[in-house]
Amino acid sequence: MGKKKQSQSVAQVENGFKVVQVNKKARYDYEIVEVFEAGIVLAGSEVKSIRGGEVNLKESYVKFKGDELFLVGCHISPYSHSRVDAHDPIRDKKLLMHRREIDKLIGKIQQKGLTIVPLRLYFKQGRCKVEIGLGRGKKLHDKRQDMKTREAVRDMARAMHGRG
């Protein structure tokens, strides 16, 4: 008899959080100055899709509409077992934060060159949360410098591993 294959979970568990999606491109393109946690307003079928890993944060960003925050460009695929009139996959999703945090973000955004990008999407105590970062765009030479330091660390780890 063959062994049963254990199903691979889409999400990873980090510090008690079930991380569903990480936006690696955001950390590559932006120097993250400050990080915030926000709740997100979702339909039921969207939550089911996120639990299944059917979400993409790559081209998404956060913008203000009036005095509220919205996640724009986040693609959540329609849930396969939902009704025919499923949710719109790329609709703007409202983010939930305390008023003083939003006011702080508004003040920081008015500084030159700062923007808000989503970093991670995860579940915390059963609720879907998005980690957003206040970031400054990196120049090409900054990206090259980051790649050089990453490569140097990787080479040192290889050298240490080879000797040990």
N, C-alpha and C. Protein backbone atom coordinates (compact mmCIF):
# COMPACT_ATOMS: atom_id res chain seq x y z
N MET A 1 0.83 -1.17 0.00
CA MET A 1 0.00 0.00 0.00
C MET A 1 0.87 1.24 0.00
N GLY A 2 0.51 2.21 -0.80
CA GLY A 2 1.27 3.46 -0.87
C GLY A 2 0.91 4.40 0.27
N LYS A 3 1.82 5.31 0.48
CA LYS A 3 1.58 6.32 1.52
C LYS A 3 0.59 7.34 1.01
N LYS A 4 -0.21 7.87 1.93
CA LYS A 4 -1.14 8.93 1.56
C LYS A 4 -0.37 10.24 1.46
N LYS A 5 -0.65 10.99 0.44
CA LYS A 5 -0.03 12.31 0.29
C LYS A 5 -0.76 13.30 1.18
N GLN A 6 0.02 14.06 1.94
CA GLN A 6 -0.60 15.11 2.74
C GLN A 6 -0.79 16.33 1.87
N SER A 7 -1.96 16.94 1.98
CA SER A 7 -2.24 18.10 1.15
C SER A 7 -1.37 19.27 1.59
N GLN A 8 -0.81 19.96 0.62
CA GLN A 8 0.02 21.13 0.89
C GLN A 8 -0.90 22.33 1.11
N SER A 9 -0.77 22.99 2.22
CA SER A 9 -1.56 24.18 2.49
C SER A 9 -0.97 25.34 1.70
N VAL A 10 -1.84 26.15 1.13
CA VAL A 10 -1.40 27.30 0.35
C VAL A 10 -0.75 28.33 1.27
N ALA A 11 -1.31 28.47 2.46
CA ALA A 11 -0.83 29.49 3.38
C ALA A 11 0.28 28.94 4.27
N GLN A 12 1.13 29.84 4.74
CA GLN A 12 2.18 29.51 5.68
C GLN A 12 1.83 30.14 7.01
N VAL A 13 2.23 29.48 8.10
CA VAL A 13 1.95 30.04 9.41
C VAL A 13 3.19 30.74 9.93
N GLU A 14 3.06 32.04 10.21
CA GLU A 14 4.15 32.86 10.75
C GLU A 14 3.65 33.55 12.01
N ASN A 15 4.27 33.28 13.14
CA ASN A 15 3.94 33.95 14.40
C ASN A 15 2.45 33.90 14.71
N GLY A 16 1.80 32.77 14.44
CA GLY A 16 0.38 32.63 14.72
C GLY A 16 -0.51 33.19 13.63
N PHE A 17 0.06 33.79 12.59
CA PHE A 17 -0.72 34.31 11.48
C PHE A 17 -0.67 33.32 10.33
N LYS A 18 -1.77 33.18 9.63
CA LYS A 18 -1.81 32.32 8.46
C LYS A 18 -1.61 33.21 7.24
N VAL A 19 -0.38 33.30 6.77
CA VAL A 19 -0.03 34.19 5.66
C VAL A 19 -0.48 33.55 4.35
N VAL A 20 -1.29 34.28 3.59
CA VAL A 20 -1.83 33.77 2.34
C VAL A 20 -1.01 34.26 1.15
N GLN A 21 -0.68 35.56 1.13
CA GLN A 21 0.03 36.13 -0.01
C GLN A 21 1.04 37.16 0.48
N VAL A 22 2.24 37.13 -0.10
CA VAL A 22 3.28 38.11 0.21
C VAL A 22 3.62 38.85 -1.08
N ASN A 23 3.67 40.16 -1.01
CA ASN A 23 4.00 40.99 -2.16
C ASN A 23 5.51 41.26 -2.15
N LYS A 24 6.29 40.34 -2.74
CA LYS A 24 7.74 40.48 -2.75
C LYS A 24 8.20 41.67 -3.59
N LYS A 25 7.45 41.97 -4.63
CA LYS A 25 7.82 43.07 -5.53
C LYS A 25 7.78 44.41 -4.80
N ALA A 26 6.91 44.55 -3.81
CA ALA A 26 6.81 45.81 -3.07
C ALA A 26 8.11 46.09 -2.33
N ARG A 27 8.67 45.10 -1.68
CA ARG A 27 9.93 45.30 -0.94
C ARG A 27 11.10 45.50 -1.90
N TYR A 28 11.00 45.00 -3.11
CA TYR A 28 12.04 45.19 -4.11
C TYR A 28 11.98 46.60 -4.69
N ASP A 29 10.76 47.10 -4.94
CA ASP A 29 10.59 48.40 -5.59
C ASP A 29 10.57 49.58 -4.62
N TYR A 30 10.27 49.31 -3.34
CA TYR A 30 10.12 50.40 -2.37
C TYR A 30 10.97 50.16 -1.14
N GLU A 31 11.46 51.24 -0.57
CA GLU A 31 12.12 51.22 0.73
C GLU A 31 11.00 51.47 1.74
N ILE A 32 10.66 50.45 2.52
CA ILE A 32 9.53 50.53 3.44
C ILE A 32 9.96 51.27 4.70
N VAL A 33 9.29 52.40 4.98
CA VAL A 33 9.62 53.25 6.11
C VAL A 33 8.85 52.83 7.35
N GLU A 34 7.56 52.54 7.20
CA GLU A 34 6.71 52.20 8.33
C GLU A 34 5.66 51.18 7.88
N VAL A 35 5.25 50.30 8.80
CA VAL A 35 4.30 49.23 8.48
C VAL A 35 3.06 49.38 9.36
N PHE A 36 1.88 49.16 8.76
CA PHE A 36 0.60 49.22 9.46
C PHE A 36 -0.21 47.97 9.16
N GLU A 37 -1.15 47.65 10.05
CA GLU A 37 -2.07 46.55 9.83
C GLU A 37 -3.46 47.12 9.63
N ALA A 38 -4.18 46.60 8.63
CA ALA A 38 -5.52 47.09 8.36
C ALA A 38 -6.45 45.91 8.12
N GLY A 39 -7.68 46.07 8.56
CA GLY A 39 -8.71 45.09 8.21
C GLY A 39 -9.16 45.37 6.79
N ILE A 40 -9.89 44.43 6.23
CA ILE A 40 -10.33 44.60 4.85
C ILE A 40 -11.78 44.14 4.74
N VAL A 41 -12.61 44.92 4.04
CA VAL A 41 -14.02 44.60 3.87
C VAL A 41 -14.16 43.68 2.66
N LEU A 42 -14.68 42.46 2.90
CA LEU A 42 -14.78 41.46 1.84
C LEU A 42 -16.17 40.84 1.82
N ALA A 43 -16.55 40.31 0.66
CA ALA A 43 -17.76 39.50 0.53
C ALA A 43 -17.40 38.07 0.95
N GLY A 44 -18.40 37.27 1.25
CA GLY A 44 -18.16 35.90 1.71
C GLY A 44 -17.39 35.05 0.71
N SER A 45 -17.73 35.18 -0.57
CA SER A 45 -17.04 34.37 -1.58
C SER A 45 -15.59 34.82 -1.74
N GLU A 46 -15.31 36.10 -1.46
CA GLU A 46 -13.93 36.59 -1.54
C GLU A 46 -13.09 35.97 -0.43
N VAL A 47 -13.66 35.83 0.75
CA VAL A 47 -12.93 35.21 1.87
C VAL A 47 -12.60 33.76 1.53
N LYS A 48 -13.55 33.05 0.95
CA LYS A 48 -13.32 31.65 0.55
C LYS A 48 -12.20 31.56 -0.48
N SER A 49 -12.19 32.48 -1.43
CA SER A 49 -11.14 32.48 -2.46
C SER A 49 -9.78 32.78 -1.85
N ILE A 50 -9.72 33.73 -0.91
CA ILE A 50 -8.46 34.07 -0.26
C ILE A 50 -7.94 32.87 0.53
N ARG A 51 -8.84 32.19 1.25
CA ARG A 51 -8.42 30.99 2.01
C ARG A 51 -7.83 29.93 1.09
N GLY A 52 -8.33 29.89 -0.15
CA GLY A 52 -7.81 28.95 -1.14
C GLY A 52 -6.57 29.45 -1.86
N GLY A 53 -6.13 30.66 -1.54
CA GLY A 53 -4.92 31.20 -2.16
C GLY A 53 -5.14 31.83 -3.51
N GLU A 54 -6.38 32.11 -3.87
CA GLU A 54 -6.69 32.67 -5.19
C GLU A 54 -6.66 34.20 -5.15
N VAL A 55 -5.52 34.76 -4.79
CA VAL A 55 -5.40 36.21 -4.67
C VAL A 55 -4.04 36.65 -5.21
N ASN A 56 -3.99 37.86 -5.78
CA ASN A 56 -2.75 38.39 -6.32
C ASN A 56 -2.60 39.85 -5.90
N LEU A 57 -1.51 40.15 -5.20
CA LEU A 57 -1.25 41.51 -4.72
C LEU A 57 -0.23 42.27 -5.57
N LYS A 58 0.32 41.64 -6.60
CA LYS A 58 1.47 42.21 -7.31
C LYS A 58 1.28 43.63 -7.80
N GLU A 59 0.24 43.92 -8.49
CA GLU A 59 0.05 45.24 -9.10
C GLU A 59 -0.86 46.13 -8.27
N SER A 60 -1.09 45.79 -7.02
CA SER A 60 -2.03 46.55 -6.22
C SER A 60 -1.36 47.66 -5.44
N TYR A 61 -2.16 48.63 -5.04
CA TYR A 61 -1.68 49.77 -4.26
C TYR A 61 -2.84 50.27 -3.41
N VAL A 62 -2.55 51.18 -2.50
CA VAL A 62 -3.56 51.74 -1.60
C VAL A 62 -3.73 53.22 -1.94
N LYS A 63 -4.99 53.66 -2.01
CA LYS A 63 -5.23 55.08 -2.28
C LYS A 63 -6.37 55.59 -1.41
N PHE A 64 -6.40 56.90 -1.25
CA PHE A 64 -7.44 57.56 -0.47
C PHE A 64 -8.58 57.96 -1.37
N LYS A 65 -9.82 57.74 -0.90
CA LYS A 65 -11.02 58.28 -1.53
C LYS A 65 -11.72 59.04 -0.42
N GLY A 66 -11.62 60.35 -0.47
CA GLY A 66 -12.11 61.15 0.64
C GLY A 66 -11.18 60.95 1.82
N ASP A 67 -11.72 60.49 2.94
CA ASP A 67 -10.88 60.22 4.10
C ASP A 67 -10.87 58.73 4.43
N GLU A 68 -11.09 57.89 3.42
CA GLU A 68 -11.07 56.44 3.61
C GLU A 68 -9.99 55.82 2.73
N LEU A 69 -9.46 54.68 3.18
CA LEU A 69 -8.43 53.96 2.43
C LEU A 69 -9.06 52.84 1.62
N PHE A 70 -8.57 52.64 0.39
CA PHE A 70 -9.05 51.55 -0.46
C PHE A 70 -7.87 50.81 -1.07
N LEU A 71 -7.99 49.50 -1.15
CA LEU A 71 -7.01 48.65 -1.81
C LEU A 71 -7.44 48.52 -3.27
N VAL A 72 -6.59 48.98 -4.17
CA VAL A 72 -6.92 49.03 -5.59
C VAL A 72 -6.02 48.06 -6.35
N GLY A 73 -6.62 47.32 -7.30
CA GLY A 73 -5.84 46.45 -8.15
C GLY A 73 -5.55 45.08 -7.59
N CYS A 74 -6.07 44.76 -6.44
CA CYS A 74 -5.89 43.43 -5.85
C CYS A 74 -6.87 42.47 -6.53
N HIS A 75 -6.36 41.43 -7.13
CA HIS A 75 -7.22 40.49 -7.87
C HIS A 75 -7.55 39.29 -6.99
N ILE A 76 -8.83 39.11 -6.70
CA ILE A 76 -9.31 37.94 -5.96
C ILE A 76 -10.21 37.16 -6.91
N SER A 77 -9.77 35.97 -7.31
CA SER A 77 -10.52 35.16 -8.27
C SER A 77 -11.87 34.77 -7.70
N PRO A 78 -12.89 34.66 -8.55
CA PRO A 78 -14.20 34.23 -8.07
C PRO A 78 -14.12 32.81 -7.49
N TYR A 79 -14.86 32.58 -6.42
CA TYR A 79 -14.88 31.28 -5.77
C TYR A 79 -15.59 30.28 -6.66
N SER A 80 -15.00 29.13 -6.86
CA SER A 80 -15.51 28.15 -7.82
C SER A 80 -16.89 27.60 -7.44
N HIS A 81 -17.22 27.53 -6.15
CA HIS A 81 -18.49 26.94 -5.71
C HIS A 81 -19.54 27.98 -5.35
N SER A 82 -19.31 29.24 -5.72
CA SER A 82 -20.29 30.28 -5.38
C SER A 82 -21.35 30.38 -6.47
N ARG A 83 -22.30 31.26 -6.24
CA ARG A 83 -23.40 31.46 -7.18
C ARG A 83 -22.87 32.01 -8.51
N VAL A 84 -23.75 32.10 -9.46
CA VAL A 84 -23.40 32.60 -10.78
C VAL A 84 -22.98 34.07 -10.71
N ASP A 85 -23.70 34.86 -9.90
CA ASP A 85 -23.39 36.28 -9.79
C ASP A 85 -22.33 36.51 -8.71
N ALA A 86 -21.15 36.01 -8.98
CA ALA A 86 -20.03 36.10 -8.02
C ALA A 86 -19.51 37.54 -7.95
N HIS A 87 -18.59 37.77 -7.02
CA HIS A 87 -18.04 39.10 -6.83
C HIS A 87 -17.16 39.54 -8.01
N ASP A 88 -16.98 40.84 -8.14
CA ASP A 88 -16.09 41.41 -9.16
C ASP A 88 -14.64 41.18 -8.69
N PRO A 89 -13.80 40.50 -9.46
CA PRO A 89 -12.46 40.13 -9.00
C PRO A 89 -11.54 41.31 -8.70
N ILE A 90 -11.73 42.45 -9.36
CA ILE A 90 -10.79 43.55 -9.17
C ILE A 90 -11.43 44.80 -8.59
N ARG A 91 -12.55 44.64 -7.89
CA ARG A 91 -13.19 45.81 -7.28
C ARG A 91 -12.29 46.40 -6.20
N ASP A 92 -12.48 47.68 -5.92
CA ASP A 92 -11.72 48.34 -4.85
C ASP A 92 -12.26 47.85 -3.50
N LYS A 93 -11.34 47.47 -2.61
CA LYS A 93 -11.74 46.96 -1.30
C LYS A 93 -11.40 47.98 -0.23
N LYS A 94 -12.37 48.27 0.62
CA LYS A 94 -12.18 49.26 1.67
C LYS A 94 -11.31 48.67 2.78
N LEU A 95 -10.37 49.48 3.27
CA LEU A 95 -9.50 49.07 4.37
C LEU A 95 -9.99 49.72 5.66
N LEU A 96 -9.89 48.98 6.76
CA LEU A 96 -10.37 49.45 8.05
C LEU A 96 -9.19 49.73 8.97
N MET A 97 -9.10 50.98 9.41
CA MET A 97 -8.05 51.40 10.34
C MET A 97 -8.63 52.41 11.31
N HIS A 98 -7.94 52.65 12.41
CA HIS A 98 -8.36 53.68 13.34
C HIS A 98 -8.16 55.05 12.71
N ARG A 99 -9.00 56.00 13.09
CA ARG A 99 -8.96 57.34 12.52
C ARG A 99 -7.59 57.99 12.70
N ARG A 100 -7.00 57.85 13.88
CA ARG A 100 -5.70 58.51 14.12
C ARG A 100 -4.61 57.89 13.24
N GLU A 101 -4.71 56.59 12.92
CA GLU A 101 -3.74 55.97 12.01
C GLU A 101 -3.92 56.51 10.59
N ILE A 102 -5.18 56.66 10.19
CA ILE A 102 -5.44 57.20 8.85
C ILE A 102 -4.95 58.63 8.74
N ASP A 103 -5.20 59.43 9.78
CA ASP A 103 -4.72 60.81 9.78
C ASP A 103 -3.19 60.87 9.72
N LYS A 104 -2.54 59.95 10.43
CA LYS A 104 -1.07 59.88 10.40
C LYS A 104 -0.59 59.56 8.99
N LEU A 105 -1.27 58.61 8.32
CA LEU A 105 -0.92 58.25 6.94
C LEU A 105 -1.12 59.43 5.99
N ILE A 106 -2.22 60.15 6.17
CA ILE A 106 -2.49 61.31 5.30
C ILE A 106 -1.36 62.32 5.43
N GLY A 107 -0.93 62.58 6.67
CA GLY A 107 0.17 63.52 6.90
C GLY A 107 1.46 63.06 6.27
N LYS A 108 1.75 61.76 6.35
CA LYS A 108 3.00 61.24 5.78
C LYS A 108 2.97 61.20 4.26
N ILE A 109 1.80 60.93 3.69
CA ILE A 109 1.67 60.85 2.23
C ILE A 109 1.91 62.20 1.59
N GLN A 110 1.58 63.26 2.30
CA GLN A 110 1.77 64.59 1.74
C GLN A 110 3.25 64.95 1.63
N GLN A 111 4.12 64.18 2.32
CA GLN A 111 5.56 64.36 2.12
C GLN A 111 5.91 63.87 0.71
N LYS A 112 6.95 64.42 0.17
CA LYS A 112 7.33 64.08 -1.20
C LYS A 112 7.82 62.64 -1.33
N GLY A 113 7.28 61.93 -2.30
CA GLY A 113 7.81 60.62 -2.68
C GLY A 113 7.33 59.44 -1.87
N LEU A 114 6.39 59.60 -0.95
CA LEU A 114 5.91 58.46 -0.17
C LEU A 114 4.62 57.91 -0.76
N THR A 115 4.47 56.60 -0.70
CA THR A 115 3.27 55.94 -1.19
C THR A 115 2.93 54.79 -0.26
N ILE A 116 1.74 54.24 -0.40
CA ILE A 116 1.30 53.13 0.44
C ILE A 116 1.12 51.91 -0.44
N VAL A 117 1.77 50.81 -0.08
CA VAL A 117 1.68 49.57 -0.84
C VAL A 117 1.32 48.41 0.10
N PRO A 118 0.54 47.44 -0.39
CA PRO A 118 0.24 46.27 0.42
C PRO A 118 1.45 45.32 0.43
N LEU A 119 1.78 44.79 1.61
CA LEU A 119 2.94 43.90 1.73
C LEU A 119 2.54 42.43 1.89
N ARG A 120 1.56 42.17 2.76
CA ARG A 120 1.12 40.80 3.01
C ARG A 120 -0.39 40.76 3.19
N LEU A 121 -0.97 39.62 2.88
CA LEU A 121 -2.37 39.35 3.16
C LEU A 121 -2.40 38.10 4.03
N TYR A 122 -3.06 38.17 5.19
CA TYR A 122 -3.02 37.05 6.12
C TYR A 122 -4.29 37.00 6.96
N PHE A 123 -4.46 35.88 7.63
CA PHE A 123 -5.56 35.71 8.57
C PHE A 123 -5.02 35.76 9.98
N LYS A 124 -5.67 36.57 10.82
CA LYS A 124 -5.29 36.71 12.22
C LYS A 124 -6.55 36.50 13.04
N GLN A 125 -6.57 35.45 13.83
CA GLN A 125 -7.74 35.09 14.63
C GLN A 125 -8.99 34.98 13.77
N GLY A 126 -8.85 34.40 12.58
CA GLY A 126 -9.98 34.17 11.69
C GLY A 126 -10.40 35.36 10.85
N ARG A 127 -9.77 36.50 11.02
CA ARG A 127 -10.12 37.69 10.25
C ARG A 127 -9.03 37.99 9.23
N CYS A 128 -9.45 38.40 8.05
CA CYS A 128 -8.51 38.70 6.98
C CYS A 128 -7.92 40.09 7.22
N LYS A 129 -6.60 40.18 7.22
CA LYS A 129 -5.89 41.45 7.43
C LYS A 129 -4.93 41.68 6.28
N VAL A 130 -4.62 42.93 6.05
CA VAL A 130 -3.60 43.27 5.05
C VAL A 130 -2.56 44.15 5.75
N GLU A 131 -1.30 43.82 5.53
CA GLU A 131 -0.21 44.62 6.07
C GLU A 131 0.20 45.60 5.00
N ILE A 132 0.09 46.90 5.31
CA ILE A 132 0.44 47.92 4.33
C ILE A 132 1.69 48.64 4.80
N GLY A 133 2.48 49.05 3.85
CA GLY A 133 3.73 49.72 4.17
C GLY A 133 3.79 51.10 3.54
N LEU A 134 4.30 52.03 4.30
CA LEU A 134 4.55 53.37 3.81
C LEU A 134 5.94 53.34 3.20
N GLY A 135 6.04 53.55 1.91
CA GLY A 135 7.32 53.36 1.25
C GLY A 135 7.73 54.49 0.34
N ARG A 136 9.02 54.54 0.09
CA ARG A 136 9.63 55.50 -0.83
C ARG A 136 10.21 54.68 -1.98
N GLY A 137 9.94 55.08 -3.19
CA GLY A 137 10.41 54.35 -4.36
C GLY A 137 11.93 54.27 -4.42
N LYS A 138 12.45 53.09 -4.76
CA LYS A 138 13.90 52.91 -4.90
C LYS A 138 14.34 53.29 -6.30
N LYS A 139 15.52 53.83 -6.39
CA LYS A 139 16.14 54.10 -7.68
C LYS A 139 16.82 52.82 -8.17
N LEU A 140 17.22 52.79 -9.42
CA LEU A 140 17.84 51.61 -10.00
C LEU A 140 19.14 51.25 -9.28
N HIS A 141 19.93 52.25 -8.92
CA HIS A 141 21.19 51.95 -8.25
C HIS A 141 20.96 51.38 -6.85
N ASP A 142 19.86 51.76 -6.17
CA ASP A 142 19.53 51.18 -4.87
C ASP A 142 19.19 49.70 -5.03
N LYS A 143 18.45 49.36 -6.08
CA LYS A 143 18.07 47.97 -6.33
C LYS A 143 19.32 47.14 -6.62
N ARG A 144 20.24 47.71 -7.40
CA ARG A 144 21.48 46.98 -7.71
C ARG A 144 22.30 46.75 -6.45
N GLN A 145 22.37 47.74 -5.56
CA GLN A 145 23.10 47.60 -4.31
C GLN A 145 22.49 46.51 -3.44
N ASP A 146 21.15 46.46 -3.37
CA ASP A 146 20.48 45.41 -2.61
C ASP A 146 20.80 44.03 -3.17
N MET A 147 20.83 43.92 -4.50
CA MET A 147 21.14 42.63 -5.12
C MET A 147 22.57 42.22 -4.80
N LYS A 148 23.51 43.17 -4.79
CA LYS A 148 24.91 42.86 -4.47
C LYS A 148 25.05 42.36 -3.03
N THR A 149 24.39 43.04 -2.09
CA THR A 149 24.50 42.61 -0.68
C THR A 149 23.86 41.25 -0.47
N ARG A 150 22.73 40.99 -1.14
CA ARG A 150 22.08 39.68 -1.04
C ARG A 150 22.99 38.59 -1.57
N GLU A 151 23.63 38.86 -2.70
CA GLU A 151 24.54 37.89 -3.31
C GLU A 151 25.75 37.64 -2.40
N ALA A 152 26.28 38.69 -1.77
CA ALA A 152 27.42 38.55 -0.87
C ALA A 152 27.04 37.69 0.34
N VAL A 153 25.88 37.91 0.90
CA VAL A 153 25.42 37.11 2.04
C VAL A 153 25.25 35.65 1.62
N ARG A 154 24.70 35.43 0.45
CA ARG A 154 24.52 34.08 -0.07
C ARG A 154 25.86 33.37 -0.26
N ASP A 155 26.84 34.10 -0.81
CA ASP A 155 28.18 33.52 -1.01
C ASP A 155 28.85 33.16 0.32
N MET A 156 28.70 34.04 1.32
CA MET A 156 29.27 33.75 2.64
C MET A 156 28.62 32.53 3.27
N ALA A 157 27.32 32.39 3.10
CA ALA A 157 26.60 31.23 3.65
C ALA A 157 27.08 29.95 2.96
N ARG A 158 27.30 30.03 1.65
CA ARG A 158 27.80 28.85 0.93
C ARG A 158 29.19 28.47 1.42
N ALA A 159 30.05 29.48 1.62
CA ALA A 159 31.42 29.22 2.08
C ALA A 159 31.41 28.60 3.49
N MET A 160 30.57 29.10 4.37
CA MET A 160 30.48 28.57 5.74
C MET A 160 29.95 27.15 5.72
N HIS A 161 28.97 26.90 4.86
CA HIS A 161 28.36 25.58 4.78
C HIS A 161 29.34 24.56 4.21
N GLY A 162 30.16 25.00 3.27
CA GLY A 162 31.14 24.11 2.64
C GLY A 162 32.22 23.66 3.61
N ARG A 163 32.62 24.53 4.53
CA ARG A 163 33.66 24.20 5.50
C ARG A 163 33.16 23.33 6.63
N GLY A 164 31.89 23.59 7.04
CA GLY A 164 31.33 22.93 8.22
C GLY A 164 30.96 21.55 7.98
